[in-house]
């Protein structure tokens, strides 16, 4: 099976931008860590979309998450047809997860 297209929702894009800005300001030793971790996660879910853990706290059906260990965030996504839709980026210490 070929890799799926990764589509980032507007909400997730805003969260990613906010996290990247914070990271660039507060983690100058690794300013590209967010970009690098997301690139790895996008490639992973594009090629193996069912690899993430099922997000049991989501109202939407089929939501999964992968942990981005280097930056300690979870990327929430779901498979929709031939694409993977990125729904949220959520810090691992923030509790139960985003409102999905």
PDB file of N, CA and C in Angstrom:
ATOM      1  N   UNK A   1       0.844  -1.184   0.000  1.00  0.00           N
ATOM      2  CA  UNK A   1       0.000   0.000   0.000  1.00  0.00           C
ATOM      3  C   UNK A   1       0.888   1.246   0.000  1.00  0.00           C
ATOM      4  N   UNK A   2       0.504   2.243  -0.758  1.00  0.00           N
ATOM      5  CA  UNK A   2       1.284   3.471  -0.819  1.00  0.00           C
ATOM      6  C   UNK A   2       0.981   4.372   0.371  1.00  0.00           C
ATOM      7  N   UNK A   3       1.874   5.299   0.597  1.00  0.00           N
ATOM      8  CA  UNK A   3       1.719   6.216   1.730  1.00  0.00           C
ATOM      9  C   UNK A   3       0.490   7.102   1.526  1.00  0.00           C
ATOM     10  N   UNK A   4      -0.149   7.407   2.611  1.00  0.00           N
ATOM     11  CA  UNK A   4      -1.321   8.281   2.583  1.00  0.00           C
ATOM     12  C   UNK A   4      -0.890   9.739   2.666  1.00  0.00           C
ATOM     13  N   UNK A   5      -1.727  10.604   2.174  1.00  0.00           N
ATOM     14  CA  UNK A   5      -1.528  12.043   2.276  1.00  0.00           C
ATOM     15  C   UNK A   5      -1.817  12.473   3.706  1.00  0.00           C
ATOM     16  N   UNK A   6      -0.963  13.306   4.290  1.00  0.00           N
ATOM     17  CA  UNK A   6      -1.190  13.843   5.628  1.00  0.00           C
ATOM     18  C   UNK A   6      -1.758  15.255   5.480  1.00  0.00           C
ATOM     19  N   UNK A   7      -2.931  15.462   6.070  1.00  0.00           N
ATOM     20  CA  UNK A   7      -3.621  16.746   6.022  1.00  0.00           C
ATOM     21  C   UNK A   7      -3.716  17.276   7.452  1.00  0.00           C
ATOM     22  N   UNK A   8      -3.313  18.518   7.654  1.00  0.00           N
ATOM     23  CA  UNK A   8      -3.343  19.130   8.988  1.00  0.00           C
ATOM     24  C   UNK A   8      -4.526  20.088   9.057  1.00  0.00           C
ATOM     25  N   UNK A   9      -5.394  19.893  10.045  1.00  0.00           N
ATOM     26  CA  UNK A   9      -6.537  20.795  10.213  1.00  0.00           C
ATOM     27  C   UNK A   9      -6.052  22.181  10.628  1.00  0.00           C
ATOM     28  N   UNK A  10      -6.895  23.171  10.449  1.00  0.00           N
ATOM     29  CA  UNK A  10      -6.543  24.540  10.839  1.00  0.00           C
ATOM     30  C   UNK A  10      -6.248  24.625  12.335  1.00  0.00           C
ATOM     31  N   UNK A  11      -7.045  23.921  13.134  1.00  0.00           N
ATOM     32  CA  UNK A  11      -6.839  23.921  14.592  1.00  0.00           C
ATOM     33  C   UNK A  11      -5.468  23.344  14.932  1.00  0.00           C
ATOM     34  N   UNK A  12      -5.134  22.207  14.335  1.00  0.00           N
ATOM     35  CA  UNK A  12      -3.835  21.581  14.598  1.00  0.00           C
ATOM     36  C   UNK A  12      -2.693  22.448  14.087  1.00  0.00           C
ATOM     37  N   UNK A  13      -2.875  23.083  12.938  1.00  0.00           N
ATOM     38  CA  UNK A  13      -1.831  23.955  12.390  1.00  0.00           C
ATOM     39  C   UNK A  13      -1.539  25.114  13.340  1.00  0.00           C
ATOM     40  N   UNK A  14      -2.595  25.680  13.930  1.00  0.00           N
ATOM     41  CA  UNK A  14      -2.411  26.779  14.890  1.00  0.00           C
ATOM     42  C   UNK A  14      -1.674  26.290  16.131  1.00  0.00           C
ATOM     43  N   UNK A  15      -2.032  25.102  16.608  1.00  0.00           N
ATOM     44  CA  UNK A  15      -1.353  24.536  17.780  1.00  0.00           C
ATOM     45  C   UNK A  15       0.120  24.255  17.469  1.00  0.00           C
ATOM     46  N   UNK A  16       0.387  23.716  16.299  1.00  0.00           N
ATOM     47  CA  UNK A  16       1.757  23.430  15.886  1.00  0.00           C
ATOM     48  C   UNK A  16       2.573  24.708  15.824  1.00  0.00           C
ATOM     49  N   UNK A  17       2.002  25.746  15.251  1.00  0.00           N
ATOM     50  CA  UNK A  17       2.697  27.032  15.156  1.00  0.00           C
ATOM     51  C   UNK A  17       3.007  27.587  16.543  1.00  0.00           C
ATOM     52  N   UNK A  18       2.050  27.513  17.440  1.00  0.00           N
ATOM     53  CA  UNK A  18       2.247  28.010  18.807  1.00  0.00           C
ATOM     54  C   UNK A  18       3.344  27.221  19.521  1.00  0.00           C
ATOM     55  N   UNK A  19       3.315  25.910  19.400  1.00  0.00           N
ATOM     56  CA  UNK A  19       4.333  25.064  20.029  1.00  0.00           C
ATOM     57  C   UNK A  19       5.709  25.363  19.434  1.00  0.00           C
ATOM     58  N   UNK A  20       5.784  25.486  18.117  1.00  0.00           N
ATOM     59  CA  UNK A  20       7.067  25.755  17.456  1.00  0.00           C
ATOM     60  C   UNK A  20       7.646  27.098  17.895  1.00  0.00           C
ATOM     61  N   UNK A  21       6.802  28.111  18.006  1.00  0.00           N
ATOM     62  CA  UNK A  21       7.271  29.423  18.469  1.00  0.00           C
ATOM     63  C   UNK A  21       7.791  29.346  19.896  1.00  0.00           C
ATOM     64  N   UNK A  22       7.032  28.672  20.771  1.00  0.00           N
ATOM     65  CA  UNK A  22       7.470  28.531  22.161  1.00  0.00           C
ATOM     66  C   UNK A  22       8.800  27.786  22.205  1.00  0.00           C
ATOM     67  N   UNK A  23       8.899  26.715  21.440  1.00  0.00           N
ATOM     68  CA  UNK A  23      10.100  25.887  21.452  1.00  0.00           C
ATOM     69  C   UNK A  23      11.313  26.688  20.964  1.00  0.00           C
ATOM     70  N   UNK A  24      11.147  27.449  19.909  1.00  0.00           N
ATOM     71  CA  UNK A  24      12.255  28.256  19.385  1.00  0.00           C
ATOM     72  C   UNK A  24      12.742  29.279  20.404  1.00  0.00           C
ATOM     73  N   UNK A  25      11.826  29.831  21.175  1.00  0.00           N
ATOM     74  CA  UNK A  25      12.189  30.822  22.190  1.00  0.00           C
ATOM     75  C   UNK A  25      12.823  30.182  23.418  1.00  0.00           C
ATOM     76  N   UNK A  26      12.275  29.065  23.859  1.00  0.00           N
ATOM     77  CA  UNK A  26      12.668  28.475  25.134  1.00  0.00           C
ATOM     78  C   UNK A  26      13.608  27.284  25.058  1.00  0.00           C
ATOM     79  N   UNK A  27      13.862  26.768  23.892  1.00  0.00           N
ATOM     80  CA  UNK A  27      14.765  25.625  23.713  1.00  0.00           C
ATOM     81  C   UNK A  27      15.775  25.907  22.608  1.00  0.00           C
ATOM     82  N   UNK A  28      16.626  26.919  22.796  1.00  0.00           N
ATOM     83  CA  UNK A  28      17.558  27.315  21.734  1.00  0.00           C
ATOM     84  C   UNK A  28      18.587  26.248  21.366  1.00  0.00           C
ATOM     85  N   UNK A  29      18.817  25.272  22.229  1.00  0.00           N
ATOM     86  CA  UNK A  29      19.778  24.208  21.906  1.00  0.00           C
ATOM     87  C   UNK A  29      19.233  23.254  20.846  1.00  0.00           C
ATOM     88  N   UNK A  30      17.918  23.219  20.673  1.00  0.00           N
ATOM     89  CA  UNK A  30      17.296  22.319  19.690  1.00  0.00           C
ATOM     90  C   UNK A  30      16.123  23.030  19.008  1.00  0.00           C
ATOM     91  N   UNK A  31      16.387  24.120  18.301  1.00  0.00           N
ATOM     92  CA  UNK A  31      15.287  24.915  17.755  1.00  0.00           C
ATOM     93  C   UNK A  31      14.438  24.193  16.709  1.00  0.00           C
ATOM     94  N   UNK A  32      14.967  23.170  16.072  1.00  0.00           N
ATOM     95  CA  UNK A  32      14.225  22.459  15.031  1.00  0.00           C
ATOM     96  C   UNK A  32      13.561  21.179  15.524  1.00  0.00           C
ATOM     97  N   UNK A  33      13.574  20.931  16.816  1.00  0.00           N
ATOM     98  CA  UNK A  33      13.056  19.674  17.363  1.00  0.00           C
ATOM     99  C   UNK A  33      11.577  19.457  17.027  1.00  0.00           C
ATOM    100  N   UNK A  34      10.758  20.481  17.118  1.00  0.00           N
ATOM    101  CA  UNK A  34       9.333  20.330  16.827  1.00  0.00           C
ATOM    102  C   UNK A  34       9.155  19.946  15.360  1.00  0.00           C
ATOM    103  N   UNK A  35       9.799  20.670  14.473  1.00  0.00           N
ATOM    104  CA  UNK A  35       9.694  20.388  13.042  1.00  0.00           C
ATOM    105  C   UNK A  35      10.176  18.975  12.728  1.00  0.00           C
ATOM    106  N   UNK A  36      11.303  18.586  13.314  1.00  0.00           N
ATOM    107  CA  UNK A  36      11.864  17.260  13.057  1.00  0.00           C
ATOM    108  C   UNK A  36      10.962  16.146  13.590  1.00  0.00           C
ATOM    109  N   UNK A  37      10.441  16.309  14.799  1.00  0.00           N
ATOM    110  CA  UNK A  37       9.561  15.291  15.377  1.00  0.00           C
ATOM    111  C   UNK A  37       8.260  15.163  14.583  1.00  0.00           C
ATOM    112  N   UNK A  38       7.714  16.292  14.162  1.00  0.00           N
ATOM    113  CA  UNK A  38       6.484  16.234  13.375  1.00  0.00           C
ATOM    114  C   UNK A  38       6.733  15.604  12.006  1.00  0.00           C
ATOM    115  N   UNK A  39       7.862  15.902  11.388  1.00  0.00           N
ATOM    116  CA  UNK A  39       8.180  15.287  10.096  1.00  0.00           C
ATOM    117  C   UNK A  39       8.265  13.767  10.236  1.00  0.00           C
ATOM    118  N   UNK A  40       8.892  13.298  11.309  1.00  0.00           N
ATOM    119  CA  UNK A  40       8.965  11.850  11.558  1.00  0.00           C
ATOM    120  C   UNK A  40       7.581  11.260  11.802  1.00  0.00           C
ATOM    121  N   UNK A  41       6.773  11.955  12.608  1.00  0.00           N
ATOM    122  CA  UNK A  41       5.427  11.461  12.914  1.00  0.00           C
ATOM    123  C   UNK A  41       4.551  11.443  11.660  1.00  0.00           C
ATOM    124  N   UNK A  42       4.634  12.475  10.829  1.00  0.00           N
ATOM    125  CA  UNK A  42       3.852  12.513   9.592  1.00  0.00           C
ATOM    126  C   UNK A  42       4.240  11.343   8.689  1.00  0.00           C
ATOM    127  N   UNK A  43       5.541  11.097   8.549  1.00  0.00           N
ATOM    128  CA  UNK A  43       6.003   9.993   7.703  1.00  0.00           C
ATOM    129  C   UNK A  43       5.524   8.653   8.262  1.00  0.00           C
ATOM    130  N   UNK A  44       5.574   8.514   9.570  1.00  0.00           N
ATOM    131  CA  UNK A  44       5.156   7.266  10.206  1.00  0.00           C
ATOM    132  C   UNK A  44       3.671   6.993   9.979  1.00  0.00           C
ATOM    133  N   UNK A  45       2.815   7.971  10.269  1.00  0.00           N
ATOM    134  CA  UNK A  45       1.384   7.729  10.126  1.00  0.00           C
ATOM    135  C   UNK A  45       0.955   7.675   8.661  1.00  0.00           C
ATOM    136  N   UNK A  46       1.713   8.294   7.776  1.00  0.00           N
ATOM    137  CA  UNK A  46       1.407   8.197   6.344  1.00  0.00           C
ATOM    138  C   UNK A  46       1.653   6.781   5.841  1.00  0.00           C
ATOM    139  N   UNK A  47       2.696   6.143   6.354  1.00  0.00           N
ATOM    140  CA  UNK A  47       3.033   4.792   5.892  1.00  0.00           C
ATOM    141  C   UNK A  47       2.384   3.697   6.721  1.00  0.00           C
ATOM    142  N   UNK A  48       2.104   3.984   7.999  1.00  0.00           N
ATOM    143  CA  UNK A  48       1.493   2.994   8.902  1.00  0.00           C
ATOM    144  C   UNK A  48       0.392   3.682   9.719  1.00  0.00           C
ATOM    145  N   UNK A  49      -0.711   4.025   9.088  1.00  0.00           N
ATOM    146  CA  UNK A  49      -1.718   4.864   9.750  1.00  0.00           C
ATOM    147  C   UNK A  49      -2.366   4.274  10.992  1.00  0.00           C
ATOM    148  N   UNK A  50      -2.329   2.991  11.163  1.00  0.00           N
ATOM    149  CA  UNK A  50      -2.968   2.389  12.334  1.00  0.00           C
ATOM    150  C   UNK A  50      -1.985   2.150  13.479  1.00  0.00           C
ATOM    151  N   UNK A  51      -0.805   2.728  13.387  1.00  0.00           N
ATOM    152  CA  UNK A  51       0.237   2.489  14.395  1.00  0.00           C
ATOM    153  C   UNK A  51      -0.047   3.184  15.725  1.00  0.00           C
ATOM    154  N   UNK A  52      -0.747   4.284  15.707  1.00  0.00           N
ATOM    155  CA  UNK A  52      -1.006   5.029  16.933  1.00  0.00           C
ATOM    156  C   UNK A  52      -1.973   4.326  17.862  1.00  0.00           C
ATOM    157  N   UNK A  53      -1.871   4.660  19.129  1.00  0.00           N
ATOM    158  CA  UNK A  53      -2.802   4.128  20.133  1.00  0.00           C
ATOM    159  C   UNK A  53      -4.174   4.757  19.936  1.00  0.00           C
ATOM    160  N   UNK A  54      -5.213   3.990  20.146  1.00  0.00           N
ATOM    161  CA  UNK A  54      -6.569   4.521  20.056  1.00  0.00           C
ATOM    162  C   UNK A  54      -6.779   5.533  21.180  1.00  0.00           C
ATOM    163  N   UNK A  55      -7.271   6.709  20.816  1.00  0.00           N
ATOM    164  CA  UNK A  55      -7.542   7.765  21.803  1.00  0.00           C
ATOM    165  C   UNK A  55      -8.942   7.536  22.355  1.00  0.00           C
ATOM    166  N   UNK A  56      -9.014   6.998  23.527  1.00  0.00           N
ATOM    167  CA  UNK A  56     -10.304   6.614  24.119  1.00  0.00           C
ATOM    168  C   UNK A  56     -11.100   7.808  24.643  1.00  0.00           C
ATOM    169  N   UNK A  57     -10.459   8.952  24.798  1.00  0.00           N
ATOM    170  CA  UNK A  57     -11.138  10.117  25.354  1.00  0.00           C
ATOM    171  C   UNK A  57     -11.719  11.030  24.271  1.00  0.00           C
ATOM    172  N   UNK A  58     -11.708  10.612  23.011  1.00  0.00           N
ATOM    173  CA  UNK A  58     -12.191  11.452  21.914  1.00  0.00           C
ATOM    174  C   UNK A  58     -13.646  11.136  21.585  1.00  0.00           C
ATOM    175  N   UNK A  59     -14.411  12.175  21.298  1.00  0.00           N
ATOM    176  CA  UNK A  59     -15.802  11.990  20.852  1.00  0.00           C
ATOM    177  C   UNK A  59     -15.849  11.558  19.395  1.00  0.00           C
ATOM    178  N   UNK A  60     -14.894  12.019  18.598  1.00  0.00           N
ATOM    179  CA  UNK A  60     -14.826  11.629  17.195  1.00  0.00           C
ATOM    180  C   UNK A  60     -14.428  10.169  17.091  1.00  0.00           C
ATOM    181  N   UNK A  61     -14.934   9.491  16.112  1.00  0.00           N
ATOM    182  CA  UNK A  61     -14.569   8.097  15.912  1.00  0.00           C
ATOM    183  C   UNK A  61     -13.221   7.956  15.239  1.00  0.00           C
ATOM    184  N   UNK A  62     -12.506   6.886  15.562  1.00  0.00           N
ATOM    185  CA  UNK A  62     -11.280   6.546  14.872  1.00  0.00           C
ATOM    186  C   UNK A  62     -10.063   7.396  15.199  1.00  0.00           C
ATOM    187  N   UNK A  63     -10.106   8.157  16.268  1.00  0.00           N
ATOM    188  CA  UNK A  63      -8.967   9.019  16.619  1.00  0.00           C
ATOM    189  C   UNK A  63      -7.871   8.176  17.265  1.00  0.00           C
ATOM    190  N   UNK A  64      -6.642   8.430  16.825  1.00  0.00           N
ATOM    191  CA  UNK A  64      -5.455   7.765  17.367  1.00  0.00           C
ATOM    192  C   UNK A  64      -4.451   8.841  17.770  1.00  0.00           C
ATOM    193  N   UNK A  65      -3.430   8.392  18.501  1.00  0.00           N
ATOM    194  CA  UNK A  65      -2.382   9.344  18.882  1.00  0.00           C
ATOM    195  C   UNK A  65      -1.032   8.647  18.856  1.00  0.00           C
ATOM    196  N   UNK A  66      -0.019   9.430  18.543  1.00  0.00           N
ATOM    197  CA  UNK A  66       1.359   8.960  18.634  1.00  0.00           C
ATOM    198  C   UNK A  66       2.106   9.921  19.550  1.00  0.00           C
ATOM    199  N   UNK A  67       3.019   9.375  20.321  1.00  0.00           N
ATOM    200  CA  UNK A  67       3.792  10.178  21.258  1.00  0.00           C
ATOM    201  C   UNK A  67       5.078  10.638  20.580  1.00  0.00           C
ATOM    202  N   UNK A  68       5.347  11.918  20.655  1.00  0.00           N
ATOM    203  CA  UNK A  68       6.573  12.507  20.128  1.00  0.00           C
ATOM    204  C   UNK A  68       7.508  12.692  21.315  1.00  0.00           C
ATOM    205  N   UNK A  69       8.255  11.653  21.620  1.00  0.00           N
ATOM    206  CA  UNK A  69       9.026  11.578  22.854  1.00  0.00           C
ATOM    207  C   UNK A  69      10.018  12.699  23.069  1.00  0.00           C
ATOM    208  N   UNK A  70      10.665  13.121  22.025  1.00  0.00           N
ATOM    209  CA  UNK A  70      11.692  14.166  22.164  1.00  0.00           C
ATOM    210  C   UNK A  70      11.117  15.482  22.676  1.00  0.00           C
ATOM    211  N   UNK A  71       9.900  15.800  22.254  1.00  0.00           N
ATOM    212  CA  UNK A  71       9.295  17.075  22.662  1.00  0.00           C
ATOM    213  C   UNK A  71       8.146  16.895  23.653  1.00  0.00           C
ATOM    214  N   UNK A  72       7.804  15.623  23.958  1.00  0.00           N
ATOM    215  CA  UNK A  72       6.796  15.276  24.955  1.00  0.00           C
ATOM    216  C   UNK A  72       5.391  15.758  24.597  1.00  0.00           C
ATOM    217  N   UNK A  73       5.037  15.621  23.341  1.00  0.00           N
ATOM    218  CA  UNK A  73       3.689  15.931  22.865  1.00  0.00           C
ATOM    219  C   UNK A  73       3.072  14.689  22.254  1.00  0.00           C
ATOM    220  N   UNK A  74       1.743  14.664  22.235  1.00  0.00           N
ATOM    221  CA  UNK A  74       1.002  13.659  21.493  1.00  0.00           C
ATOM    222  C   UNK A  74       0.425  14.334  20.252  1.00  0.00           C
ATOM    223  N   UNK A  75       0.509  13.640  19.135  1.00  0.00           N
ATOM    224  CA  UNK A  75      -0.138  14.103  17.915  1.00  0.00           C
ATOM    225  C   UNK A  75      -1.385  13.238  17.723  1.00  0.00           C
ATOM    226  N   UNK A  76      -2.542  13.874  17.709  1.00  0.00           N
ATOM    227  CA  UNK A  76      -3.810  13.178  17.520  1.00  0.00           C
ATOM    228  C   UNK A  76      -4.192  13.244  16.045  1.00  0.00           C
ATOM    229  N   UNK A  77      -4.670  12.128  15.515  1.00  0.00           N
ATOM    230  CA  UNK A  77      -5.012  12.053  14.101  1.00  0.00           C
ATOM    231  C   UNK A  77      -6.078  10.987  13.873  1.00  0.00           C
ATOM    232  N   UNK A  78      -6.632  10.990  12.670  1.00  0.00           N
ATOM    233  CA  UNK A  78      -7.525   9.909  12.276  1.00  0.00           C
ATOM    234  C   UNK A  78      -7.357   9.655  10.783  1.00  0.00           C
ATOM    235  N   UNK A  79      -7.659   8.433  10.408  1.00  0.00           N
ATOM    236  CA  UNK A  79      -7.563   8.023   9.011  1.00  0.00           C
ATOM    237  C   UNK A  79      -8.906   8.309   8.360  1.00  0.00           C
ATOM    238  N   UNK A  80      -8.877   9.026   7.258  1.00  0.00           N
ATOM    239  CA  UNK A  80     -10.096   9.363   6.524  1.00  0.00           C
ATOM    240  C   UNK A  80      -9.878   9.040   5.055  1.00  0.00           C
ATOM    241  N   UNK A  81     -10.425   7.942   4.606  1.00  0.00           N
ATOM    242  CA  UNK A  81     -10.264   7.558   3.204  1.00  0.00           C
ATOM    243  C   UNK A  81      -8.808   7.304   2.870  1.00  0.00           C
ATOM    244  N   UNK A  82      -8.268   8.053   1.953  1.00  0.00           N
ATOM    245  CA  UNK A  82      -6.882   7.897   1.506  1.00  0.00           C
ATOM    246  C   UNK A  82      -5.926   8.860   2.213  1.00  0.00           C
ATOM    247  N   UNK A  83      -6.399   9.542   3.239  1.00  0.00           N
ATOM    248  CA  UNK A  83      -5.535  10.510   3.924  1.00  0.00           C
ATOM    249  C   UNK A  83      -5.521  10.272   5.432  1.00  0.00           C
ATOM    250  N   UNK A  84      -4.586  10.934   6.065  1.00  0.00           N
ATOM    251  CA  UNK A  84      -4.483  10.968   7.521  1.00  0.00           C
ATOM    252  C   UNK A  84      -4.695  12.425   7.915  1.00  0.00           C
ATOM    253  N   UNK A  85      -5.671  12.660   8.772  1.00  0.00           N
ATOM    254  CA  UNK A  85      -6.024  14.013   9.185  1.00  0.00           C
ATOM    255  C   UNK A  85      -5.458  14.276  10.580  1.00  0.00           C
ATOM    256  N   UNK A  86      -4.511  15.203  10.675  1.00  0.00           N
ATOM    257  CA  UNK A  86      -3.933  15.587  11.968  1.00  0.00           C
ATOM    258  C   UNK A  86      -4.904  16.559  12.629  1.00  0.00           C
ATOM    259  N   UNK A  87      -5.326  16.201  13.850  1.00  0.00           N
ATOM    260  CA  UNK A  87      -6.367  16.946  14.542  1.00  0.00           C
ATOM    261  C   UNK A  87      -5.854  17.855  15.651  1.00  0.00           C
ATOM    262  N   UNK A  88      -4.776  17.454  16.327  1.00  0.00           N
ATOM    263  CA  UNK A  88      -4.305  18.239  17.472  1.00  0.00           C
ATOM    264  C   UNK A  88      -2.884  17.856  17.849  1.00  0.00           C
ATOM    265  N   UNK A  89      -2.221  18.769  18.520  1.00  0.00           N
ATOM    266  CA  UNK A  89      -0.921  18.545  19.141  1.00  0.00           C
ATOM    267  C   UNK A  89      -1.103  18.916  20.602  1.00  0.00           C
ATOM    268  N   UNK A  90      -0.834  17.969  21.504  1.00  0.00           N
ATOM    269  CA  UNK A  90      -1.205  18.129  22.909  1.00  0.00           C
ATOM    270  C   UNK A  90      -0.048  17.704  23.795  1.00  0.00           C
ATOM    271  N   UNK A  91       0.376  18.546  24.724  1.00  0.00           N
ATOM    272  CA  UNK A  91       1.481  18.197  25.603  1.00  0.00           C
ATOM    273  C   UNK A  91       1.092  17.019  26.500  1.00  0.00           C
ATOM    274  N   UNK A  92       1.995  16.095  26.658  1.00  0.00           N
ATOM    275  CA  UNK A  92       1.730  14.857  27.410  1.00  0.00           C
ATOM    276  C   UNK A  92       1.366  15.103  28.857  1.00  0.00           C
ATOM    277  N   UNK A  93       1.765  16.215  29.445  1.00  0.00           N
ATOM    278  CA  UNK A  93       1.479  16.474  30.867  1.00  0.00           C
ATOM    279  C   UNK A  93       0.176  17.242  31.078  1.00  0.00           C
ATOM    280  N   UNK A  94      -0.577  17.518  30.034  1.00  0.00           N
ATOM    281  CA  UNK A  94      -1.763  18.371  30.142  1.00  0.00           C
ATOM    282  C   UNK A  94      -3.031  17.630  30.527  1.00  0.00           C
ATOM    283  N   UNK A  95      -2.951  16.403  30.900  1.00  0.00           N
ATOM    284  CA  UNK A  95      -4.161  15.723  31.360  1.00  0.00           C
ATOM    285  C   UNK A  95      -4.781  14.834  30.309  1.00  0.00           C
ATOM    286  N   UNK A  96      -6.087  14.829  30.251  1.00  0.00           N
ATOM    287  CA  UNK A  96      -6.842  13.823  29.502  1.00  0.00           C
ATOM    288  C   UNK A  96      -6.767  13.934  27.993  1.00  0.00           C
ATOM    289  N   UNK A  97      -6.381  15.030  27.464  1.00  0.00           N
ATOM    290  CA  UNK A  97      -6.283  15.172  26.012  1.00  0.00           C
ATOM    291  C   UNK A  97      -7.139  16.300  25.480  1.00  0.00           C
ATOM    292  N   UNK A  98      -6.971  16.607  24.202  1.00  0.00           N
ATOM    293  CA  UNK A  98      -7.716  17.737  23.606  1.00  0.00           C
ATOM    294  C   UNK A  98      -9.191  17.394  23.426  1.00  0.00           C
ATOM    295  N   UNK A  99      -9.980  18.406  23.215  1.00  0.00           N
ATOM    296  CA  UNK A  99     -11.420  18.248  22.993  1.00  0.00           C
ATOM    297  C   UNK A  99     -11.648  17.879  21.535  1.00  0.00           C
ATOM    298  N   UNK A 100     -11.753  16.595  21.289  1.00  0.00           N
ATOM    299  CA  UNK A 100     -11.945  16.100  19.909  1.00  0.00           C
ATOM    300  C   UNK A 100     -13.239  15.340  19.787  1.00  0.00           C
TER     301      UNK A 100
END
